[in-house]
Protein backbone atom coordinates (compact mmCIF):
# COMPACT_ATOMS: atom_id res chain seq x y z
CA MET A 1 -21.86 -6.80 6.12
CA PRO A 2 -17.82 -5.65 4.83
CA MET A 3 -16.54 -2.89 6.98
CA LYS A 4 -16.08 0.20 4.63
CA ARG A 5 -13.19 2.93 5.35
CA PRO A 6 -14.24 6.29 5.48
CA ALA A 7 -12.48 8.41 2.62
CA PRO A 8 -9.65 10.35 3.76
CA SER A 9 -10.05 13.95 4.57
CA PRO A 10 -8.55 16.53 2.40
CA SER A 11 -6.07 17.66 4.32
CA HIS A 12 -4.32 14.02 4.96
CA SER A 13 -5.45 12.77 1.12
CA ALA A 14 -1.31 14.67 0.32
CA ALA A 15 0.51 11.97 2.80
CA ARG A 16 -1.55 9.09 1.99
CA ARG A 17 -2.50 7.09 -0.98
CA PHE A 18 -4.71 3.77 -1.03
CA VAL A 19 -4.02 1.00 -3.40
CA ARG A 20 -6.27 -2.20 -3.94
CA SER A 21 -7.19 -4.68 -6.20
CA GLU A 22 -10.40 -5.01 -8.25
CA ASP A 23 -11.59 -8.14 -6.60
CA GLY A 24 -10.40 -6.55 -3.26
CA ALA A 25 -8.31 -9.29 -2.12
CA VAL A 26 -5.37 -7.07 -1.25
CA ALA A 27 -5.07 -3.66 -0.17
CA PHE A 28 -2.41 -0.93 0.58
CA THR A 29 -2.23 2.02 2.56
CA LEU A 30 0.66 3.99 1.98
CA SER A 31 1.64 6.95 4.44
CA ARG A 32 4.04 9.02 4.95
CA ALA A 33 6.39 9.30 8.41
CA PRO A 34 8.87 11.19 9.24
CA MET A 35 11.89 8.59 8.36
CA GLY A 36 10.23 7.82 5.22
CA ILE A 37 7.05 5.78 4.56
CA PHE A 38 4.90 3.69 6.27
CA VAL A 39 3.10 0.83 4.43
CA GLU A 40 0.79 -1.54 5.50
CA ARG A 41 -0.37 -4.85 3.39
CA VAL A 42 -3.89 -6.41 4.03
CA GLN A 43 -4.71 -9.28 2.07
CA PHE A 44 -8.05 -10.68 2.44
CA ARG A 45 -8.29 -14.91 2.66
CA GLN A 46 -12.10 -15.60 1.84
CA GLY A 47 -13.48 -17.28 4.59
CA ARG A 48 -10.29 -17.14 6.73
CA GLY A 49 -9.46 -13.84 7.98
CA ARG A 50 -6.99 -11.43 6.53
CA VAL A 51 -2.75 -11.30 6.96
CA THR A 52 -1.64 -7.76 7.58
CA HIS A 53 1.99 -6.70 7.40
CA ALA A 54 3.31 -3.39 8.14
CA ALA A 55 6.52 -2.02 7.50
CA ILE A 56 8.23 1.54 7.48
CA PHE A 57 10.88 1.85 4.37
CA THR A 58 13.39 5.15 4.69
CA ASP A 59 14.64 4.94 0.98
CA ASP A 60 13.48 3.73 -2.79
CA THR A 61 15.60 0.94 -2.73
CA SER A 62 14.62 -1.03 -0.19
CA PHE A 63 10.97 -0.19 -1.04
CA GLU A 64 11.43 -1.24 -4.63
CA ARG A 65 13.04 -4.23 -3.57
CA TRP A 66 10.21 -5.54 -0.97
CA CYS A 67 7.58 -4.30 -3.96
CA ASP A 68 9.56 -6.76 -6.51
CA ALA A 69 9.52 -9.14 -4.25
CA ASP A 70 5.53 -9.19 -3.32
CA SER A 71 3.26 -12.02 -5.04
CA VAL A 72 1.21 -9.00 -5.97
CA ARG A 73 3.70 -8.45 -8.44
CA PHE A 74 2.29 -11.46 -10.54
CA ASP A 75 -1.35 -11.58 -9.27
CA TYR A 76 -2.36 -7.92 -9.79
CA PRO A 77 0.13 -6.38 -12.28
CA LEU A 78 -1.76 -2.91 -12.20
CA VAL A 79 -1.64 -2.81 -8.30
CA HIS A 80 2.05 -3.53 -8.42
CA ILE A 81 2.52 -0.54 -10.56
CA ASN A 82 0.79 2.03 -8.69
CA LEU A 83 2.07 0.71 -4.93
CA LYS A 84 5.44 1.52 -6.33
CA ARG A 85 4.35 4.72 -8.11
CA HIS A 86 2.73 6.13 -5.09
CA GLY A 87 5.29 5.18 -2.54
CA ASN A 88 8.10 7.03 -4.56
CA ASN A 89 6.24 9.80 -5.19
CA LEU A 90 5.50 9.82 -0.86
CA LEU A 91 9.41 9.08 -0.37
CA ARG A 92 10.09 12.14 -2.47
CA ARG A 93 7.28 14.07 -0.81
CA GLU A 94 5.75 15.01 -4.19
């Protein structure tokens, strides 16, 4: 039985965003950090575990380059668009 992540509390929801594919194969957590944003990418491999990557971005240029280099750009275009939108909003502190 898969574990469910608890819903973020309202006090933290402005500084944290969650983006995932409809099939649950890939998920991103974006959080505001003192010097930029912290991004965690989790890819679930059916029957073979999961792969997790984490990074901190201090500017929108490096964040957008990272997003554009990810295969999610082609595999899940709506996830890619939402990832960039939420990341840029957090970098601008919106």
